[in-house]
N, C-alpha and C. Protein backbone atom coordinates (compact mmCIF):
# COMPACT_ATOMS: atom_id res chain seq x y z
N MET A 1 84.68 -42.01 23.13
CA MET A 1 86.03 -41.22 23.47
C MET A 1 85.11 -40.50 24.78
N PRO A 2 85.54 -40.75 25.93
CA PRO A 2 84.93 -39.86 27.11
C PRO A 2 85.29 -38.43 27.06
N LYS A 3 84.40 -37.43 27.73
CA LYS A 3 84.20 -36.27 27.36
C LYS A 3 85.03 -35.79 28.70
N GLU A 4 85.88 -35.01 28.61
CA GLU A 4 86.60 -33.97 30.09
C GLU A 4 85.92 -33.09 30.29
N LEU A 5 85.74 -32.77 31.51
CA LEU A 5 85.34 -31.36 32.08
C LEU A 5 86.12 -30.29 31.89
N LYS A 6 85.68 -29.30 30.92
CA LYS A 6 86.18 -28.20 30.59
C LYS A 6 86.23 -27.26 31.56
N TYR A 7 85.06 -26.82 32.93
CA TYR A 7 85.25 -26.33 33.61
C TYR A 7 84.83 -27.12 35.11
N LYS A 8 85.81 -26.56 35.97
CA LYS A 8 85.82 -27.40 37.32
C LYS A 8 84.91 -26.40 38.41
N LYS A 9 84.57 -25.00 38.17
CA LYS A 9 84.24 -24.65 39.15
C LYS A 9 82.73 -24.41 39.08
N GLY A 10 82.05 -24.95 38.83
CA GLY A 10 80.25 -25.10 38.23
C GLY A 10 80.25 -24.64 37.12
N PHE A 11 78.90 -24.09 36.85
CA PHE A 11 78.44 -23.91 35.59
C PHE A 11 78.29 -22.43 35.29
N THR A 12 78.82 -22.07 34.41
CA THR A 12 79.03 -20.59 33.84
C THR A 12 78.39 -20.64 32.81
N TRP A 13 77.71 -19.29 32.14
CA TRP A 13 77.12 -19.16 30.99
C TRP A 13 78.07 -19.49 29.69
N ARG A 14 79.39 -19.40 30.02
CA ARG A 14 80.36 -19.89 28.98
C ARG A 14 80.26 -21.48 29.01
N HIS A 15 80.08 -22.01 29.99
CA HIS A 15 80.05 -23.70 29.93
C HIS A 15 78.88 -24.02 29.06
N HIS A 16 77.61 -23.42 29.46
CA HIS A 16 76.76 -23.52 28.98
C HIS A 16 76.63 -23.72 27.22
N LEU A 17 77.39 -22.42 26.87
CA LEU A 17 77.37 -22.05 25.41
C LEU A 17 78.18 -23.15 24.60
N ASP A 18 79.68 -23.47 25.71
CA ASP A 18 80.52 -24.43 25.05
C ASP A 18 79.76 -25.65 24.87
N GLU A 19 78.94 -26.27 25.92
CA GLU A 19 78.09 -27.54 25.96
C GLU A 19 77.40 -27.55 24.36
N LYS A 20 76.53 -26.44 24.56
CA LYS A 20 75.35 -26.60 23.25
C LYS A 20 76.30 -26.29 22.01
N TRP A 21 77.48 -25.64 21.72
CA TRP A 21 78.27 -25.75 20.53
C TRP A 21 78.93 -27.19 20.45
N ASP A 22 79.29 -27.81 21.15
CA ASP A 22 80.01 -29.27 21.20
C ASP A 22 78.62 -30.44 20.70
N ARG A 23 77.57 -30.03 20.85
CA ARG A 23 76.52 -30.83 20.47
C ARG A 23 75.52 -30.12 19.40
N LEU A 24 76.07 -29.24 18.97
CA LEU A 24 75.47 -29.29 17.55
C LEU A 24 75.89 -29.95 16.36
N ASP A 25 75.11 -30.01 15.40
CA ASP A 25 75.41 -30.66 14.43
C ASP A 25 76.64 -29.75 13.28
N TYR A 26 77.61 -30.97 12.64
CA TYR A 26 78.59 -30.03 11.83
C TYR A 26 78.09 -28.99 10.78
N SER A 27 77.22 -29.55 10.25
CA SER A 27 76.82 -28.89 9.08
C SER A 27 76.09 -27.22 9.46
N PHE A 28 75.15 -27.20 10.29
CA PHE A 28 74.77 -25.85 11.32
C PHE A 28 75.66 -25.35 11.54
N LYS A 29 77.01 -25.76 12.16
CA LYS A 29 78.38 -24.85 12.53
C LYS A 29 78.82 -24.35 11.61
N LEU A 30 78.84 -25.30 10.09
CA LEU A 30 79.20 -24.48 9.12
C LEU A 30 78.51 -23.40 8.59
N LYS A 31 77.04 -23.51 8.75
CA LYS A 31 76.44 -22.30 8.11
C LYS A 31 76.62 -21.23 8.91
N ILE A 32 76.35 -21.17 9.93
CA ILE A 32 76.40 -20.12 10.95
C ILE A 32 77.83 -19.50 10.80
N GLN A 33 79.07 -20.15 10.72
CA GLN A 33 80.35 -19.49 10.15
C GLN A 33 80.01 -18.71 9.12
N ALA A 34 79.50 -19.50 8.07
CA ALA A 34 79.43 -19.04 6.80
C ALA A 34 78.68 -17.67 6.63
N PHE A 35 77.60 -17.57 7.73
CA PHE A 35 76.62 -16.59 7.64
C PHE A 35 77.43 -15.30 8.31
N PHE A 36 77.94 -15.68 9.31
CA PHE A 36 79.31 -14.73 9.81
C PHE A 36 80.20 -13.98 8.80
N LEU A 37 80.84 -15.08 8.09
CA LEU A 37 81.61 -14.62 7.20
C LEU A 37 81.01 -13.63 5.94
N ILE A 38 80.04 -14.02 5.61
CA ILE A 38 79.36 -13.25 4.78
C ILE A 38 78.69 -11.80 5.19
N PHE A 39 78.62 -11.89 6.22
CA PHE A 39 77.99 -10.51 7.26
C PHE A 39 79.18 -9.59 7.59
N ILE A 40 80.27 -10.04 7.73
CA ILE A 40 81.57 -9.49 7.85
C ILE A 40 81.84 -8.70 6.53
N LEU A 41 82.03 -9.57 5.58
CA LEU A 41 82.49 -9.09 3.99
C LEU A 41 81.70 -8.00 3.68
N GLY A 42 80.04 -8.38 3.87
CA GLY A 42 79.05 -7.51 3.39
C GLY A 42 79.23 -5.99 4.18
N GLY A 43 79.57 -6.23 5.28
CA GLY A 43 79.60 -4.90 6.17
C GLY A 43 80.97 -3.99 5.85
N ALA A 44 81.90 -4.95 5.47
CA ALA A 44 83.70 -4.07 4.93
C ALA A 44 82.82 -3.62 3.63
N PHE A 45 82.43 -4.21 2.71
CA PHE A 45 82.00 -3.53 1.47
C PHE A 45 81.07 -2.33 1.39
N LEU A 46 80.34 -2.45 2.42
CA LEU A 46 79.37 -1.42 2.44
C LEU A 46 80.18 -0.34 3.21
N GLY A 47 81.03 -0.56 3.99
CA GLY A 47 81.82 0.50 4.75
C GLY A 47 82.72 1.00 3.48
N LEU A 48 82.97 0.46 2.64
CA LEU A 48 84.24 0.62 1.76
C LEU A 48 83.23 1.78 0.49
N ALA A 49 82.08 1.30 0.46
CA ALA A 49 81.08 1.94 -0.32
C ALA A 49 81.08 3.27 0.16
N TRP A 50 80.66 3.47 1.64
CA TRP A 50 80.34 4.52 2.11
C TRP A 50 81.47 5.57 2.05
N ALA A 51 82.56 5.00 2.47
CA ALA A 51 83.77 6.16 2.43
C ALA A 51 84.19 6.53 1.06
N ASN A 52 83.97 5.83 0.20
CA ASN A 52 84.00 6.18 -1.18
C ASN A 52 83.18 7.23 -1.64
N GLN A 53 81.67 6.90 -1.43
CA GLN A 53 80.86 8.17 -1.80
C GLN A 53 81.27 9.12 -0.90
N LYS A 54 81.73 9.37 0.75
CA LYS A 54 81.92 10.51 1.00
C LYS A 54 83.19 10.94 0.77
N HIS A 55 84.07 10.49 0.17
CA HIS A 55 85.30 11.14 -0.58
C HIS A 55 84.65 11.63 -1.75
N GLU A 56 84.29 11.14 -2.40
CA GLU A 56 83.85 11.77 -4.08
C GLU A 56 82.94 12.95 -3.29
N LYS A 57 81.91 13.07 -2.49
CA LYS A 57 81.08 14.10 -2.36
C LYS A 57 82.31 15.11 -1.86
N ALA A 58 83.02 14.76 -1.09
CA ALA A 58 84.02 15.85 -0.69
C ALA A 58 84.57 16.59 -1.78
N GLN A 59 85.17 15.65 -2.29
CA GLN A 59 86.14 16.14 -3.66
C GLN A 59 85.16 17.04 -4.85
N LEU A 60 83.94 16.91 -4.83
CA LEU A 60 83.02 17.35 -5.59
C LEU A 60 82.49 18.69 -4.93
N MET A 61 82.55 18.92 -3.96
CA MET A 61 82.54 20.36 -3.14
C MET A 61 83.55 21.13 -3.33
N LYS A 62 84.77 20.29 -3.36
CA LYS A 62 86.15 21.06 -3.22
C LYS A 62 86.40 21.83 -4.61
N ASP A 63 85.56 20.83 -5.69
CA ASP A 63 85.76 21.52 -7.30
C ASP A 63 84.91 22.25 -7.53
N GLY A 64 83.63 22.47 -6.50
CA GLY A 64 82.97 23.29 -7.09
C GLY A 64 83.32 24.65 -6.29
N ALA A 65 83.74 24.44 -5.16
CA ALA A 65 84.31 25.99 -4.51
C ALA A 65 85.33 26.59 -5.33
N THR A 66 86.51 25.47 -5.90
CA THR A 66 87.29 26.28 -6.83
C THR A 66 86.82 26.75 -7.99
N LYS A 67 85.87 26.10 -8.78
CA LYS A 67 85.26 26.70 -9.74
C LYS A 67 84.53 28.15 -9.42
N SER A 68 83.91 28.15 -8.58
CA SER A 68 83.08 29.38 -7.93
C SER A 68 84.22 30.34 -7.89
N GLU A 69 85.29 30.09 -7.15
CA GLU A 69 86.50 30.94 -7.03
C GLU A 69 87.14 31.54 -8.33
N ARG A 70 87.40 30.71 -9.25
CA ARG A 70 87.88 30.97 -10.54
C ARG A 70 86.88 31.71 -11.52
N THR A 71 85.35 31.72 -11.29
CA THR A 71 84.23 32.40 -12.08
C THR A 71 84.50 33.63 -11.47
N GLN A 72 84.39 34.08 -9.93
CA GLN A 72 84.19 35.16 -9.31
C GLN A 72 85.72 36.12 -9.79
N GLU A 73 86.75 35.29 -9.68
CA GLU A 73 88.13 36.44 -10.26
C GLU A 73 88.11 36.43 -11.66
N LYS A 74 87.13 35.83 -12.18
CA LYS A 74 87.13 36.29 -13.91
C LYS A 74 86.16 37.37 -14.19
N ASP A 75 85.05 37.36 -13.20
CA ASP A 75 84.25 38.38 -13.15
C ASP A 75 85.17 39.66 -12.59
N PHE A 76 85.88 39.40 -11.85
CA PHE A 76 86.17 40.61 -11.06
C PHE A 76 87.41 41.69 -11.94
N MET A 77 88.02 40.40 -12.85
CA MET A 77 88.87 41.12 -13.49
C MET A 77 87.97 41.58 -14.71
N SER A 78 87.23 41.27 -15.25
CA SER A 78 86.26 41.79 -16.14
C SER A 78 85.82 42.90 -15.69
N ARG A 79 85.68 43.17 -14.48
CA ARG A 79 84.63 44.61 -14.00
C ARG A 79 85.95 45.60 -13.96
N SER A 80 87.15 44.94 -13.66
CA SER A 80 88.27 46.20 -13.10
C SER A 80 88.24 47.06 -14.39
N ARG A 81 88.45 48.29 -13.91
CA ARG A 81 88.57 49.46 -14.83
C ARG A 81 89.78 49.37 -15.86
N ASN A 82 89.51 49.19 -17.21
CA ASN A 82 90.59 49.38 -18.03
C ASN A 82 90.33 50.49 -18.90
N VAL A 83 91.11 51.22 -18.61
CA VAL A 83 90.92 52.80 -19.38
C VAL A 83 91.10 52.64 -20.82
N SER A 84 92.60 52.19 -20.98
CA SER A 84 92.76 51.89 -22.54
C SER A 84 93.50 50.90 -22.44
N PRO A 85 93.40 50.10 -23.67
CA PRO A 85 93.59 48.85 -23.70
C PRO A 85 95.48 49.06 -24.49
N PRO A 86 96.19 48.20 -24.31
CA PRO A 86 97.54 48.18 -24.54
C PRO A 86 97.82 48.57 -26.34
N PRO A 87 98.69 49.53 -26.41
CA PRO A 87 98.65 49.97 -27.95
C PRO A 87 99.16 48.55 -28.90
N LEU A 88 98.77 48.93 -29.81
CA LEU A 88 99.02 47.82 -31.11
C LEU A 88 99.99 47.84 -31.80
N ARG A 89 100.56 49.15 -31.63
CA ARG A 89 102.16 49.15 -32.30
C ARG A 89 102.93 50.09 -31.24
N ASN A 90 104.51 49.61 -31.86
CA ASN A 90 105.45 50.07 -30.80
C ASN A 90 105.25 51.48 -30.44
N ALA A 91 105.80 52.18 -29.39
CA ALA A 91 105.86 53.60 -29.07
C ALA A 91 107.01 54.03 -29.96
N GLU A 92 107.76 53.76 -30.61
CA GLU A 92 108.82 54.14 -31.43
C GLU A 92 108.32 54.87 -32.59
N ASP A 93 107.40 54.91 -33.16
CA ASP A 93 106.63 55.25 -34.50
C ASP A 93 106.14 56.60 -34.18
């Protein structure tokens, strides 16, 4: 089957790449495509793992801040002056 010209206006870098791609072996093309697919999937996995770690770190920081606020509140309540505790019996007696 005769090959048709893809580009009529001379040789461009795109033309050279297309010609080289057309002349490559089919198994090599599959290997390159598989490599890029694995690379993209690996990048997506690492990106999700990074985002999850960042979210967990932010959540731990938030939980730690609320915990320290609660302990400060308890300390403040325990330090507040309580002159007399509430009576154990009703005032009617």
